Amino acid sequence: MKDMSKISTGKDGEQIAAAYLKKNGYRICETNFRCPLGEIDIVAREKSELVFIEVKTRKSSELGYPEQAVGTRKQKKLSQLALWYLQKKKMADANARFDVIAITLLPEGNEIKLIKNAFDFVAL
């Protein structure tokens, strides 16, 4: 069972990320898209691209930066989820990419780092 503070930190991070993305010209299509394979935090459009966004939130950099949590295994998983999404929505020919938003919640203000095109599609 995930501990409740982790869940609320994640939810806070996703709300902060969505607001940040909107301010920066993204159009949010879906949040927390669930399918049998797992969940995509945010699906958005930026200009002509469909963007699959992974949100990573931390309360400190004690355990490293949030974006470091998106390793190869996570990239593979997100690639599978994106494929599933594109097939389900009949958008197989969509121009798509992966972004990561790393948020560190700090008393003096949140640090938000948007990493566009954070990684390439990882084939299985």
PDB file of N, CA and C in Angstrom:
ATOM      1  N   MET A   1       0.854  -1.202   0.000  1.00  0.00           N
ATOM      2  CA  MET A   1       0.000   0.000   0.000  1.00  0.00           C
ATOM      3  C   MET A   1       0.885   1.246   0.000  1.00  0.00           C
ATOM      4  N   LYS A   2       0.628   2.130  -0.932  1.00  0.00           N
ATOM      5  CA  LYS A   2       1.401   3.381  -0.989  1.00  0.00           C
ATOM      6  C   LYS A   2       1.048   4.230   0.220  1.00  0.00           C
ATOM      7  N   ASP A   3       2.048   4.928   0.736  1.00  0.00           N
ATOM      8  CA  ASP A   3       1.712   5.742   1.904  1.00  0.00           C
ATOM      9  C   ASP A   3       0.978   7.005   1.452  1.00  0.00           C
ATOM     10  N   MET A   4       0.016   7.431   2.247  1.00  0.00           N
ATOM     11  CA  MET A   4      -0.911   8.499   1.859  1.00  0.00           C
ATOM     12  C   MET A   4      -0.210   9.814   1.535  1.00  0.00           C
ATOM     13  N   SER A   5       0.884  10.127   2.227  1.00  0.00           N
ATOM     14  CA  SER A   5       1.551  11.401   1.959  1.00  0.00           C
ATOM     15  C   SER A   5       2.183  11.380   0.568  1.00  0.00           C
ATOM     16  N   LYS A   6       2.638  10.190   0.132  1.00  0.00           N
ATOM     17  CA  LYS A   6       3.202  10.063  -1.211  1.00  0.00           C
ATOM     18  C   LYS A   6       2.124  10.313  -2.259  1.00  0.00           C
ATOM     19  N   ILE A   7       0.938   9.760  -2.011  1.00  0.00           N
ATOM     20  CA  ILE A   7      -0.168   9.928  -2.948  1.00  0.00           C
ATOM     21  C   ILE A   7      -0.556  11.397  -3.036  1.00  0.00           C
ATOM     22  N   SER A   8      -0.657  12.074  -1.890  1.00  0.00           N
ATOM     23  CA  SER A   8      -1.057  13.483  -1.943  1.00  0.00           C
ATOM     24  C   SER A   8       0.046  14.349  -2.563  1.00  0.00           C
ATOM     25  N   THR A   9       1.310  14.010  -2.316  1.00  0.00           N
ATOM     26  CA  THR A   9       2.414  14.737  -2.954  1.00  0.00           C
ATOM     27  C   THR A   9       2.302  14.589  -4.470  1.00  0.00           C
ATOM     28  N   GLY A  10       2.029  13.373  -4.925  1.00  0.00           N
ATOM     29  CA  GLY A  10       1.882  13.110  -6.361  1.00  0.00           C
ATOM     30  C   GLY A  10       0.723  13.879  -6.959  1.00  0.00           C
ATOM     31  N   LYS A  11      -0.413  13.877  -6.267  1.00  0.00           N
ATOM     32  CA  LYS A  11      -1.604  14.600  -6.750  1.00  0.00           C
ATOM     33  C   LYS A  11      -1.329  16.099  -6.807  1.00  0.00           C
ATOM     34  N   ASP A  12      -0.699  16.635  -5.760  1.00  0.00           N
ATOM     35  CA  ASP A  12      -0.343  18.067  -5.744  1.00  0.00           C
ATOM     36  C   ASP A  12       0.540  18.383  -6.940  1.00  0.00           C
ATOM     37  N   GLY A  13       1.530  17.531  -7.151  1.00  0.00           N
ATOM     38  CA  GLY A  13       2.465  17.720  -8.252  1.00  0.00           C
ATOM     39  C   GLY A  13       1.757  17.731  -9.596  1.00  0.00           C
ATOM     40  N   GLU A  14       0.793  16.821  -9.774  1.00  0.00           N
ATOM     41  CA  GLU A  14       0.065  16.746 -11.041  1.00  0.00           C
ATOM     42  C   GLU A  14      -0.774  17.998 -11.277  1.00  0.00           C
ATOM     43  N   GLN A  15      -1.359  18.547 -10.211  1.00  0.00           N
ATOM     44  CA  GLN A  15      -2.141  19.783 -10.362  1.00  0.00           C
ATOM     45  C   GLN A  15      -1.224  20.962 -10.711  1.00  0.00           C
ATOM     46  N   ILE A  16      -0.086  21.037 -10.041  1.00  0.00           N
ATOM     47  CA  ILE A  16       0.890  22.098 -10.316  1.00  0.00           C
ATOM     48  C   ILE A  16       1.372  21.970 -11.766  1.00  0.00           C
ATOM     49  N   ALA A  17       1.651  20.734 -12.181  1.00  0.00           N
ATOM     50  CA  ALA A  17       2.139  20.474 -13.541  1.00  0.00           C
ATOM     51  C   ALA A  17       1.107  20.899 -14.586  1.00  0.00           C
ATOM     52  N   ALA A  18      -0.158  20.532 -14.372  1.00  0.00           N
ATOM     53  CA  ALA A  18      -1.213  20.869 -15.337  1.00  0.00           C
ATOM     54  C   ALA A  18      -1.327  22.390 -15.480  1.00  0.00           C
ATOM     55  N   ALA A  19      -1.306  23.106 -14.373  1.00  0.00           N
ATOM     56  CA  ALA A  19      -1.401  24.578 -14.406  1.00  0.00           C
ATOM     57  C   ALA A  19      -0.191  25.163 -15.141  1.00  0.00           C
ATOM     58  N   TYR A  20       0.980  24.625 -14.855  1.00  0.00           N
ATOM     59  CA  TYR A  20       2.222  25.087 -15.479  1.00  0.00           C
ATOM     60  C   TYR A  20       2.171  24.860 -17.001  1.00  0.00           C
ATOM     61  N   LEU A  21       1.717  23.677 -17.392  1.00  0.00           N
ATOM     62  CA  LEU A  21       1.644  23.342 -18.814  1.00  0.00           C
ATOM     63  C   LEU A  21       0.687  24.277 -19.553  1.00  0.00           C
ATOM     64  N   LYS A  22      -0.489  24.508 -18.947  1.00  0.00           N
ATOM     65  CA  LYS A  22      -1.479  25.403 -19.576  1.00  0.00           C
ATOM     66  C   LYS A  22      -0.888  26.789 -19.780  1.00  0.00           C
ATOM     67  N   LYS A  23      -0.173  27.268 -18.753  1.00  0.00           N
ATOM     68  CA  LYS A  23       0.456  28.592 -18.829  1.00  0.00           C
ATOM     69  C   LYS A  23       1.501  28.649 -19.945  1.00  0.00           C
ATOM     70  N   ASN A  24       2.065  27.495 -20.267  1.00  0.00           N
ATOM     71  CA  ASN A  24       3.118  27.436 -21.272  1.00  0.00           C
ATOM     72  C   ASN A  24       2.636  26.917 -22.626  1.00  0.00           C
ATOM     73  N   GLY A  25       1.354  27.054 -22.883  1.00  0.00           N
ATOM     74  CA  GLY A  25       0.823  26.771 -24.210  1.00  0.00           C
ATOM     75  C   GLY A  25       0.402  25.343 -24.511  1.00  0.00           C
ATOM     76  N   TYR A  26       0.395  24.467 -23.515  1.00  0.00           N
ATOM     77  CA  TYR A  26      -0.076  23.099 -23.741  1.00  0.00           C
ATOM     78  C   TYR A  26      -1.595  23.077 -23.561  1.00  0.00           C
ATOM     79  N   ARG A  27      -2.242  22.195 -24.297  1.00  0.00           N
ATOM     80  CA  ARG A  27      -3.670  21.973 -24.102  1.00  0.00           C
ATOM     81  C   ARG A  27      -3.836  20.589 -23.474  1.00  0.00           C
ATOM     82  N   ILE A  28      -4.345  20.536 -22.267  1.00  0.00           N
ATOM     83  CA  ILE A  28      -4.491  19.257 -21.573  1.00  0.00           C
ATOM     84  C   ILE A  28      -5.643  18.464 -22.184  1.00  0.00           C
ATOM     85  N   CYS A  29      -5.372  17.231 -22.598  1.00  0.00           N
ATOM     86  CA  CYS A  29      -6.417  16.367 -23.165  1.00  0.00           C
ATOM     87  C   CYS A  29      -6.974  15.448 -22.077  1.00  0.00           C
ATOM     88  N   GLU A  30      -6.075  14.887 -21.295  1.00  0.00           N
ATOM     89  CA  GLU A  30      -6.497  13.960 -20.237  1.00  0.00           C
ATOM     90  C   GLU A  30      -5.495  13.991 -19.087  1.00  0.00           C
ATOM     91  N   THR A  31      -6.019  13.731 -17.892  1.00  0.00           N
ATOM     92  CA  THR A  31      -5.122  13.549 -16.751  1.00  0.00           C
ATOM     93  C   THR A  31      -5.433  12.180 -16.166  1.00  0.00           C
ATOM     94  N   ASN A  32      -4.430  11.540 -15.660  1.00  0.00           N
ATOM     95  CA  ASN A  32      -4.566  10.208 -15.061  1.00  0.00           C
ATOM     96  C   ASN A  32      -5.306   9.235 -15.965  1.00  0.00           C
ATOM     97  N   PHE A  33      -4.849   9.119 -17.202  1.00  0.00           N
ATOM     98  CA  PHE A  33      -5.444   8.170 -18.139  1.00  0.00           C
ATOM     99  C   PHE A  33      -5.047   6.758 -17.715  1.00  0.00           C
ATOM    100  N   ARG A  34      -6.054   5.959 -17.367  1.00  0.00           N
ATOM    101  CA  ARG A  34      -5.796   4.587 -16.906  1.00  0.00           C
ATOM    102  C   ARG A  34      -6.180   3.571 -17.966  1.00  0.00           C
ATOM    103  N   CYS A  35      -5.367   2.521 -18.044  1.00  0.00           N
ATOM    104  CA  CYS A  35      -5.673   1.394 -18.924  1.00  0.00           C
ATOM    105  C   CYS A  35      -5.116   0.142 -18.227  1.00  0.00           C
ATOM    106  N   PRO A  36      -5.346  -1.027 -18.814  1.00  0.00           N
ATOM    107  CA  PRO A  36      -4.853  -2.254 -18.147  1.00  0.00           C
ATOM    108  C   PRO A  36      -3.344  -2.262 -17.874  1.00  0.00           C
ATOM    109  N   LEU A  37      -2.585  -1.478 -18.626  1.00  0.00           N
ATOM    110  CA  LEU A  37      -1.129  -1.481 -18.455  1.00  0.00           C
ATOM    111  C   LEU A  37      -0.641  -0.534 -17.361  1.00  0.00           C
ATOM    112  N   GLY A  38      -1.485   0.418 -16.974  1.00  0.00           N
ATOM    113  CA  GLY A  38      -1.060   1.394 -15.976  1.00  0.00           C
ATOM    114  C   GLY A  38      -1.703   2.746 -16.207  1.00  0.00           C
ATOM    115  N   GLU A  39      -0.947   3.795 -15.903  1.00  0.00           N
ATOM    116  CA  GLU A  39      -1.509   5.139 -15.969  1.00  0.00           C
ATOM    117  C   GLU A  39      -0.538   6.141 -16.581  1.00  0.00           C
ATOM    118  N   ILE A  40      -1.099   7.030 -17.390  1.00  0.00           N
ATOM    119  CA  ILE A  40      -0.323   8.149 -17.943  1.00  0.00           C
ATOM    120  C   ILE A  40      -0.768   9.372 -17.149  1.00  0.00           C
ATOM    121  N   ASP A  41       0.181  10.098 -16.560  1.00  0.00           N
ATOM    122  CA  ASP A  41      -0.173  11.245 -15.724  1.00  0.00           C
ATOM    123  C   ASP A  41      -0.950  12.300 -16.507  1.00  0.00           C
ATOM    124  N   ILE A  42      -0.362  12.765 -17.601  1.00  0.00           N
ATOM    125  CA  ILE A  42      -1.021  13.813 -18.395  1.00  0.00           C
ATOM    126  C   ILE A  42      -0.790  13.550 -19.889  1.00  0.00           C
ATOM    127  N   VAL A  43      -1.872  13.688 -20.652  1.00  0.00           N
ATOM    128  CA  VAL A  43      -1.774  13.650 -22.111  1.00  0.00           C
ATOM    129  C   VAL A  43      -2.191  15.045 -22.557  1.00  0.00           C
ATOM    130  N   ALA A  44      -1.337  15.686 -23.350  1.00  0.00           N
ATOM    131  CA  ALA A  44      -1.623  17.058 -23.764  1.00  0.00           C
ATOM    132  C   ALA A  44      -1.218  17.256 -25.216  1.00  0.00           C
ATOM    133  N   ARG A  45      -1.590  18.408 -25.733  1.00  0.00           N
ATOM    134  CA  ARG A  45      -1.154  18.792 -27.072  1.00  0.00           C
ATOM    135  C   ARG A  45      -0.331  20.057 -26.961  1.00  0.00           C
ATOM    136  N   GLU A  46       0.769  20.073 -27.697  1.00  0.00           N
ATOM    137  CA  GLU A  46       1.523  21.310 -27.833  1.00  0.00           C
ATOM    138  C   GLU A  46       1.708  21.491 -29.329  1.00  0.00           C
ATOM    139  N   LYS A  47       1.084  22.524 -29.856  1.00  0.00           N
ATOM    140  CA  LYS A  47       1.043  22.749 -31.302  1.00  0.00           C
ATOM    141  C   LYS A  47       0.509  21.484 -31.966  1.00  0.00           C
ATOM    142  N   SER A  48       1.280  20.888 -32.886  1.00  0.00           N
ATOM    143  CA  SER A  48       0.759  19.722 -33.606  1.00  0.00           C
ATOM    144  C   SER A  48       1.156  18.397 -32.956  1.00  0.00           C
ATOM    145  N   GLU A  49       1.841  18.470 -31.806  1.00  0.00           N
ATOM    146  CA  GLU A  49       2.308  17.230 -31.175  1.00  0.00           C
ATOM    147  C   GLU A  49       1.432  16.783 -30.012  1.00  0.00           C
ATOM    148  N   LEU A  50       1.281  15.474 -29.940  1.00  0.00           N
ATOM    149  CA  LEU A  50       0.624  14.866 -28.791  1.00  0.00           C
ATOM    150  C   LEU A  50       1.748  14.572 -27.802  1.00  0.00           C
ATOM    151  N   VAL A  51       1.566  14.976 -26.554  1.00  0.00           N
ATOM    152  CA  VAL A  51       2.647  14.832 -25.588  1.00  0.00           C
ATOM    153  C   VAL A  51       2.195  13.981 -24.406  1.00  0.00           C
ATOM    154  N   PHE A  52       2.968  12.934 -24.136  1.00  0.00           N
ATOM    155  CA  PHE A  52       2.720  12.086 -22.973  1.00  0.00           C
ATOM    156  C   PHE A  52       3.647  12.604 -21.879  1.00  0.00           C
ATOM    157  N   ILE A  53       3.054  13.001 -20.758  1.00  0.00           N
ATOM    158  CA  ILE A  53       3.848  13.671 -19.729  1.00  0.00           C
ATOM    159  C   ILE A  53       3.852  12.877 -18.429  1.00  0.00           C
ATOM    160  N   GLU A  54       5.044  12.618 -17.965  1.00  0.00           N
ATOM    161  CA  GLU A  54       5.242  11.951 -16.674  1.00  0.00           C
ATOM    162  C   GLU A  54       5.571  13.035 -15.659  1.00  0.00           C
ATOM    163  N   VAL A  55       4.817  13.045 -14.557  1.00  0.00           N
ATOM    164  CA  VAL A  55       5.047  14.039 -13.507  1.00  0.00           C
ATOM    165  C   VAL A  55       5.745  13.350 -12.344  1.00  0.00           C
ATOM    166  N   LYS A  56       6.862  13.910 -11.925  1.00  0.00           N
ATOM    167  CA  LYS A  56       7.587  13.371 -10.770  1.00  0.00           C
ATOM    168  C   LYS A  56       7.708  14.476  -9.741  1.00  0.00           C
ATOM    169  N   THR A  57       7.245  14.183  -8.536  1.00  0.00           N
ATOM    170  CA  THR A  57       7.242  15.194  -7.479  1.00  0.00           C
ATOM    171  C   THR A  57       7.991  14.688  -6.259  1.00  0.00           C
ATOM    172  N   ARG A  58       8.785  15.558  -5.683  1.00  0.00           N
ATOM    173  CA  ARG A  58       9.520  15.244  -4.453  1.00  0.00           C
ATOM    174  C   ARG A  58       9.360  16.406  -3.487  1.00  0.00           C
ATOM    175  N   LYS A  59       9.583  16.120  -2.214  1.00  0.00           N
ATOM    176  CA  LYS A  59       9.530  17.189  -1.210  1.00  0.00           C
ATOM    177  C   LYS A  59      10.925  17.721  -0.898  1.00  0.00           C
ATOM    178  N   SER A  60      11.939  17.012  -1.403  1.00  0.00           N
ATOM    179  CA  SER A  60      13.314  17.487  -1.229  1.00  0.00           C
ATOM    180  C   SER A  60      14.174  16.773  -2.265  1.00  0.00           C
ATOM    181  N   SER A  61      15.420  17.188  -2.389  1.00  0.00           N
ATOM    182  CA  SER A  61      16.278  16.495  -3.356  1.00  0.00           C
ATOM    183  C   SER A  61      17.159  15.466  -2.645  1.00  0.00           C
ATOM    184  N   GLU A  62      16.760  15.135  -1.422  1.00  0.00           N
ATOM    185  CA  GLU A  62      17.485  14.132  -0.623  1.00  0.00           C
ATOM    186  C   GLU A  62      17.690  12.821  -1.379  1.00  0.00           C
ATOM    187  N   LEU A  63      16.637  12.369  -2.063  1.00  0.00           N
ATOM    188  CA  LEU A  63      16.704  11.103  -2.788  1.00  0.00           C
ATOM    189  C   LEU A  63      17.080  11.312  -4.252  1.00  0.00           C
ATOM    190  N   GLY A  64      17.663  12.443  -4.548  1.00  0.00           N
ATOM    191  CA  GLY A  64      18.008  12.759  -5.931  1.00  0.00           C
ATOM    192  C   GLY A  64      16.926  13.638  -6.538  1.00  0.00           C
ATOM    193  N   TYR A  65      17.168  14.080  -7.754  1.00  0.00           N
ATOM    194  CA  TYR A  65      16.195  14.934  -8.425  1.00  0.00           C
ATOM    195  C   TYR A  65      15.025  14.101  -8.914  1.00  0.00           C
ATOM    196  N   PRO A  66      13.821  14.694  -8.937  1.00  0.00           N
ATOM    197  CA  PRO A  66      12.634  13.915  -9.336  1.00  0.00           C
ATOM    198  C   PRO A  66      12.781  13.258 -10.710  1.00  0.00           C
ATOM    199  N   GLU A  67      13.392  13.984 -11.656  1.00  0.00           N
ATOM    200  CA  GLU A  67      13.504  13.431 -13.021  1.00  0.00           C
ATOM    201  C   GLU A  67      14.373  12.184 -13.083  1.00  0.00           C
ATOM    202  N   GLN A  68      15.227  11.978 -12.075  1.00  0.00           N
ATOM    203  CA  GLN A  68      16.075  10.779 -12.062  1.00  0.00           C
ATOM    204  C   GLN A  68      15.255   9.509 -11.843  1.00  0.00           C
ATOM    205  N   ALA A  69      14.016   9.668 -11.408  1.00  0.00           N
ATOM    206  CA  ALA A  69      13.157   8.506 -11.167  1.00  0.00           C
ATOM    207  C   ALA A  69      12.558   7.958 -12.470  1.00  0.00           C
ATOM    208  N   VAL A  70      12.811   8.639 -13.577  1.00  0.00           N
ATOM    209  CA  VAL A  70      12.300   8.151 -14.859  1.00  0.00           C
ATOM    210  C   VAL A  70      13.431   7.424 -15.581  1.00  0.00           C
ATOM    211  N   GLY A  71      13.697   6.220 -15.116  1.00  0.00           N
ATOM    212  CA  GLY A  71      14.767   5.400 -15.683  1.00  0.00           C
ATOM    213  C   GLY A  71      14.270   4.584 -16.863  1.00  0.00           C
ATOM    214  N   THR A  72      15.108   3.687 -17.333  1.00  0.00           N
ATOM    215  CA  THR A  72      14.785   2.887 -18.510  1.00  0.00           C
ATOM    216  C   THR A  72      13.509   2.073 -18.340  1.00  0.00           C
ATOM    217  N   ARG A  73      13.321   1.491 -17.165  1.00  0.00           N
ATOM    218  CA  ARG A  73      12.108   0.680 -16.945  1.00  0.00           C
ATOM    219  C   ARG A  73      10.851   1.534 -17.077  1.00  0.00           C
ATOM    220  N   LYS A  74      10.905   2.714 -16.487  1.00  0.00           N
ATOM    221  CA  LYS A  74       9.768   3.640 -16.537  1.00  0.00           C
ATOM    222  C   LYS A  74       9.552   4.112 -17.974  1.00  0.00           C
ATOM    223  N   GLN A  75      10.636   4.364 -18.704  1.00  0.00           N
ATOM    224  CA  GLN A  75      10.526   4.800 -20.098  1.00  0.00           C
ATOM    225  C   GLN A  75       9.868   3.731 -20.965  1.00  0.00           C
ATOM    226  N   LYS A  76      10.236   2.468 -20.703  1.00  0.00           N
ATOM    227  CA  LYS A  76       9.649   1.341 -21.429  1.00  0.00           C
ATOM    228  C   LYS A  76       8.151   1.280 -21.157  1.00  0.00           C
ATOM    229  N   LYS A  77       7.807   1.405 -19.888  1.00  0.00           N
ATOM    230  CA  LYS A  77       6.410   1.360 -19.443  1.00  0.00           C
ATOM    231  C   LYS A  77       5.608   2.486 -20.102  1.00  0.00           C
ATOM    232  N   LEU A  78       6.160   3.700 -20.082  1.00  0.00           N
ATOM    233  CA  LEU A  78       5.474   4.842 -20.686  1.00  0.00           C
ATOM    234  C   LEU A  78       5.331   4.659 -22.195  1.00  0.00           C
ATOM    235  N   SER A  79       6.317   4.054 -22.812  1.00  0.00           N
ATOM    236  CA  SER A  79       6.251   3.783 -24.257  1.00  0.00           C
ATOM    237  C   SER A  79       5.095   2.828 -24.549  1.00  0.00           C
ATOM    238  N   GLN A  80       4.955   1.780 -23.728  1.00  0.00           N
ATOM    239  CA  GLN A  80       3.855   0.817 -23.894  1.00  0.00           C
ATOM    240  C   GLN A  80       2.509   1.521 -23.703  1.00  0.00           C
ATOM    241  N   LEU A  81       2.425   2.341 -22.659  1.00  0.00           N
ATOM    242  CA  LEU A  81       1.186   3.064 -22.372  1.00  0.00           C
ATOM    243  C   LEU A  81       0.820   3.996 -23.523  1.00  0.00           C
ATOM    244  N   ALA A  82       1.816   4.678 -24.073  1.00  0.00           N
ATOM    245  CA  ALA A  82       1.572   5.601 -25.182  1.00  0.00           C
ATOM    246  C   ALA A  82       1.052   4.842 -26.407  1.00  0.00           C
ATOM    247  N   LEU A  83       1.645   3.708 -26.696  1.00  0.00           N
ATOM    248  CA  LEU A  83       1.200   2.886 -27.827  1.00  0.00           C
ATOM    249  C   LEU A  83      -0.252   2.467 -27.632  1.00  0.00           C
ATOM    250  N   TRP A  84      -0.562   2.007 -26.429  1.00  0.00           N
ATOM    251  CA  TRP A  84      -1.916   1.564 -26.097  1.00  0.00           C
ATOM    252  C   TRP A  84      -2.885   2.722 -26.312  1.00  0.00           C
ATOM    253  N   TYR A  85      -2.507   3.890 -25.822  1.00  0.00           N
ATOM    254  CA  TYR A  85      -3.344   5.088 -25.927  1.00  0.00           C
ATOM    255  C   TYR A  85      -3.592   5.433 -27.399  1.00  0.00           C
ATOM    256  N   LEU A  86      -2.519   5.474 -28.184  1.00  0.00           N
ATOM    257  CA  LEU A  86      -2.621   5.836 -29.604  1.00  0.00           C
ATOM    258  C   LEU A  86      -3.500   4.855 -30.376  1.00  0.00           C
ATOM    259  N   GLN A  87      -3.384   3.563 -30.051  1.00  0.00           N
ATOM    260  CA  GLN A  87      -4.216   2.557 -30.730  1.00  0.00           C
ATOM    261  C   GLN A  87      -5.674   2.707 -30.306  1.00  0.00           C
ATOM    262  N   LYS A  88      -5.887   2.855 -29.005  1.00  0.00           N
ATOM    263  CA  LYS A  88      -7.240   2.976 -28.450  1.00  0.00           C
ATOM    264  C   LYS A  88      -7.960   4.195 -29.045  1.00  0.00           C
ATOM    265  N   LYS A  89      -7.247   5.290 -29.206  1.00  0.00           N
ATOM    266  CA  LYS A  89      -7.836   6.535 -29.705  1.00  0.00           C
ATOM    267  C   LYS A  89      -7.741   6.644 -31.233  1.00  0.00           C
ATOM    268  N   LYS A  90      -7.281   5.554 -31.865  1.00  0.00           N
ATOM    269  CA  LYS A  90      -7.125   5.521 -33.323  1.00  0.00           C
ATOM    270  C   LYS A  90      -6.300   6.717 -33.820  1.00  0.00           C
ATOM    271  N   MET A  91      -5.162   6.906 -33.177  1.00  0.00           N
ATOM    272  CA  MET A  91      -4.278   8.025 -33.522  1.00  0.00           C
ATOM    273  C   MET A  91      -2.880   7.513 -33.831  1.00  0.00           C
ATOM    274  N   ALA A  92      -2.795   6.311 -34.378  1.00  0.00           N
ATOM    275  CA  ALA A  92      -1.504   5.657 -34.579  1.00  0.00           C
ATOM    276  C   ALA A  92      -0.498   6.513 -35.362  1.00  0.00           C
ATOM    277  N   ASP A  93      -1.001   7.420 -36.203  1.00  0.00           N
ATOM    278  CA  ASP A  93      -0.072   8.219 -37.002  1.00  0.00           C
ATOM    279  C   ASP A  93       0.221   9.584 -36.374  1.00  0.00           C
ATOM    280  N   ALA A  94      -0.197   9.765 -35.129  1.00  0.00           N
ATOM    281  CA  ALA A  94       0.012  11.052 -34.449  1.00  0.00           C
ATOM    282  C   ALA A  94       1.498  11.322 -34.234  1.00  0.00           C
ATOM    283  N   ASN A  95       1.845  12.572 -34.274  1.00  0.00           N
ATOM    284  CA  ASN A  95       3.189  13.029 -33.980  1.00  0.00           C
ATOM    285  C   ASN A  95       3.252  13.120 -32.449  1.00  0.00           C
ATOM    286  N   ALA A  96       4.031  12.254 -31.812  1.00  0.00           N
ATOM    287  CA  ALA A  96       4.007  12.221 -30.346  1.00  0.00           C
ATOM    288  C   ALA A  96       5.409  12.280 -29.750  1.00  0.00           C
ATOM    289  N   ARG A  97       5.468  12.711 -28.495  1.00  0.00           N
ATOM    290  CA  ARG A  97       6.747  12.746 -27.774  1.00  0.00           C
ATOM    291  C   ARG A  97       6.486  12.563 -26.281  1.00  0.00           C
ATOM    292  N   PHE A  98       7.578  12.405 -25.546  1.00  0.00           N
ATOM    293  CA  PHE A  98       7.503  12.240 -24.097  1.00  0.00           C
ATOM    294  C   PHE A  98       8.169  13.415 -23.399  1.00  0.00           C
ATOM    295  N   ASP A  99       7.454  14.041 -22.477  1.00  0.00           N
ATOM    296  CA  ASP A  99       8.031  15.093 -21.648  1.00  0.00           C
ATOM    297  C   ASP A  99       7.999  14.619 -20.200  1.00  0.00           C
ATOM    298  N   VAL A 100       8.890  15.152 -19.411  1.00  0.00           N
ATOM    299  CA  VAL A 100       8.892  14.877 -17.972  1.00  0.00           C
ATOM    300  C   VAL A 100       8.824  16.226 -17.266  1.00  0.00           C
ATOM    301  N   ILE A 101       7.959  16.303 -16.274  1.00  0.00           N
ATOM    302  CA  ILE A 101       7.934  17.506 -15.440  1.00  0.00           C
ATOM    303  C   ILE A 101       8.410  17.074 -14.064  1.00  0.00           C
ATOM    304  N   ALA A 102       9.483  17.699 -13.613  1.00  0.00           N
ATOM    305  CA  ALA A 102      10.062  17.387 -12.306  1.00  0.00           C
ATOM    306  C   ALA A 102       9.734  18.547 -11.372  1.00  0.00           C
ATOM    307  N   ILE A 103       9.064  18.218 -10.282  1.00  0.00           N
ATOM    308  CA  ILE A 103       8.649  19.251  -9.330  1.00  0.00           C
ATOM    309  C   ILE A 103       9.228  18.934  -7.958  1.00  0.00           C
ATOM    310  N   THR A 104       9.863  19.934  -7.369  1.00  0.00           N
ATOM    311  CA  THR A 104      10.329  19.791  -5.995  1.00  0.00           C
ATOM    312  C   THR A 104       9.548  20.812  -5.177  1.00  0.00           C
ATOM    313  N   LEU A 105       8.773  20.292  -4.225  1.00  0.00           N
ATOM    314  CA  LEU A 105       7.963  21.159  -3.367  1.00  0.00           C
ATOM    315  C   LEU A 105       8.841  21.672  -2.233  1.00  0.00           C
ATOM    316  N   LEU A 106       9.132  22.955  -2.254  1.00  0.00           N
ATOM    317  CA  LEU A 106      10.015  23.545  -1.253  1.00  0.00           C
ATOM    318  C   LEU A 106       9.282  24.634  -0.478  1.00  0.00           C
ATOM    319  N   PRO A 107       9.644  24.824   0.790  1.00  0.00           N
ATOM    320  CA  PRO A 107       8.980  25.858   1.593  1.00  0.00           C
ATOM    321  C   PRO A 107       9.068  27.243   0.942  1.00  0.00           C
ATOM    322  N   GLU A 108      10.188  27.515   0.271  1.00  0.00           N
ATOM    323  CA  GLU A 108      10.366  28.841  -0.330  1.00  0.00           C
ATOM    324  C   GLU A 108       9.729  28.949  -1.724  1.00  0.00           C
ATOM    325  N   GLY A 109       9.083  27.892  -2.164  1.00  0.00           N
ATOM    326  CA  GLY A 109       8.430  27.912  -3.474  1.00  0.00           C
ATOM    327  C   GLY A 109       8.786  26.675  -4.263  1.00  0.00           C
ATOM    328  N   ASN A 110       7.909  26.282  -5.145  1.00  0.00           N
ATOM    329  CA  ASN A 110       8.126  25.061  -5.912  1.00  0.00           C
ATOM    330  C   ASN A 110       9.115  25.261  -7.043  1.00  0.00           C
ATOM    331  N   GLU A 111       9.954  24.269  -7.216  1.00  0.00           N
ATOM    332  CA  GLU A 111      10.882  24.245  -8.343  1.00  0.00           C
ATOM    333  C   GLU A 111      10.247  23.380  -9.407  1.00  0.00           C
ATOM    334  N   ILE A 112      10.061  23.935 -10.594  1.00  0.00           N
ATOM    335  CA  ILE A 112       9.436  23.175 -11.678  1.00  0.00           C
ATOM    336  C   ILE A 112      10.396  23.119 -12.854  1.00  0.00           C
ATOM    337  N   LYS A 113      10.668  21.910 -13.301  1.00  0.00           N
ATOM    338  CA  LYS A 113      11.568  21.734 -14.437  1.00  0.00           C
ATOM    339  C   LYS A 113      10.829  20.920 -15.505  1.00  0.00           C
ATOM    340  N   LEU A 114      10.658  21.523 -16.674  1.00  0.00           N
ATOM    341  CA  LEU A 114      10.011  20.829 -17.783  1.00  0.00           C
ATOM    342  C   LEU A 114      11.101  20.326 -18.717  1.00  0.00           C
ATOM    343  N   ILE A 115      11.112  19.018 -18.932  1.00  0.00           N
ATOM    344  CA  ILE A 115      12.099  18.433 -19.834  1.00  0.00           C
ATOM    345  C   ILE A 115      11.348  17.943 -21.069  1.00  0.00           C
ATOM    346  N   LYS A 116      11.429  18.747 -22.125  1.00  0.00           N
ATOM    347  CA  LYS A 116      10.732  18.391 -23.365  1.00  0.00           C
ATOM    348  C   LYS A 116      11.511  17.300 -24.070  1.00  0.00           C
ATOM    349  N   ASN A 117      10.756  16.384 -24.689  1.00  0.00           N
ATOM    350  CA  ASN A 117      11.391  15.308 -25.440  1.00  0.00           C
ATOM    351  C   ASN A 117      12.421  14.599 -24.555  1.00  0.00           C
ATOM    352  N   ALA A 118      11.992  14.265 -23.355  1.00  0.00           N
ATOM    353  CA  ALA A 118      12.891  13.724 -22.321  1.00  0.00           C
ATOM    354  C   ALA A 118      13.559  12.409 -22.733  1.00  0.00           C
ATOM    355  N   PHE A 119      12.844  11.621 -23.516  1.00  0.00           N
ATOM    356  CA  PHE A 119      13.432  10.355 -23.985  1.00  0.00           C
ATOM    357  C   PHE A 119      12.695   9.920 -25.242  1.00  0.00           C
ATOM    358  N   ASP A 120      13.329   9.022 -25.974  1.00  0.00           N
ATOM    359  CA  ASP A 120      12.718   8.479 -27.189  1.00  0.00           C
ATOM    360  C   ASP A 120      11.888   7.259 -26.839  1.00  0.00           C
ATOM    361  N   PHE A 121      11.016   6.899 -27.759  1.00  0.00           N
ATOM    362  CA  PHE A 121      10.217   5.691 -27.596  1.00  0.00           C
ATOM    363  C   PHE A 121      11.145   4.504 -27.355  1.00  0.00           C
ATOM    364  N   VAL A 122      10.813   3.693 -26.366  1.00  0.00           N
ATOM    365  CA  VAL A 122      11.640   2.528 -26.052  1.00  0.00           C
ATOM    366  C   VAL A 122      10.895   1.288 -26.532  1.00  0.00           C
ATOM    367  N   ALA A 123      11.436   0.631 -27.554  1.00  0.00           N
ATOM    368  CA  ALA A 123      10.802  -0.582 -28.064  1.00  0.00           C
ATOM    369  C   ALA A 123      11.026  -1.712 -27.061  1.00  0.00           C
ATOM    370  N   LEU A 124      10.095  -2.642 -27.072  1.00  0.00           N
ATOM    371  CA  LEU A 124      10.168  -3.736 -26.073  1.00  0.00           C
ATOM    372  C   LEU A 124      11.259  -4.732 -26.397  1.00  0.00           C
TER     373      LEU A 124
END
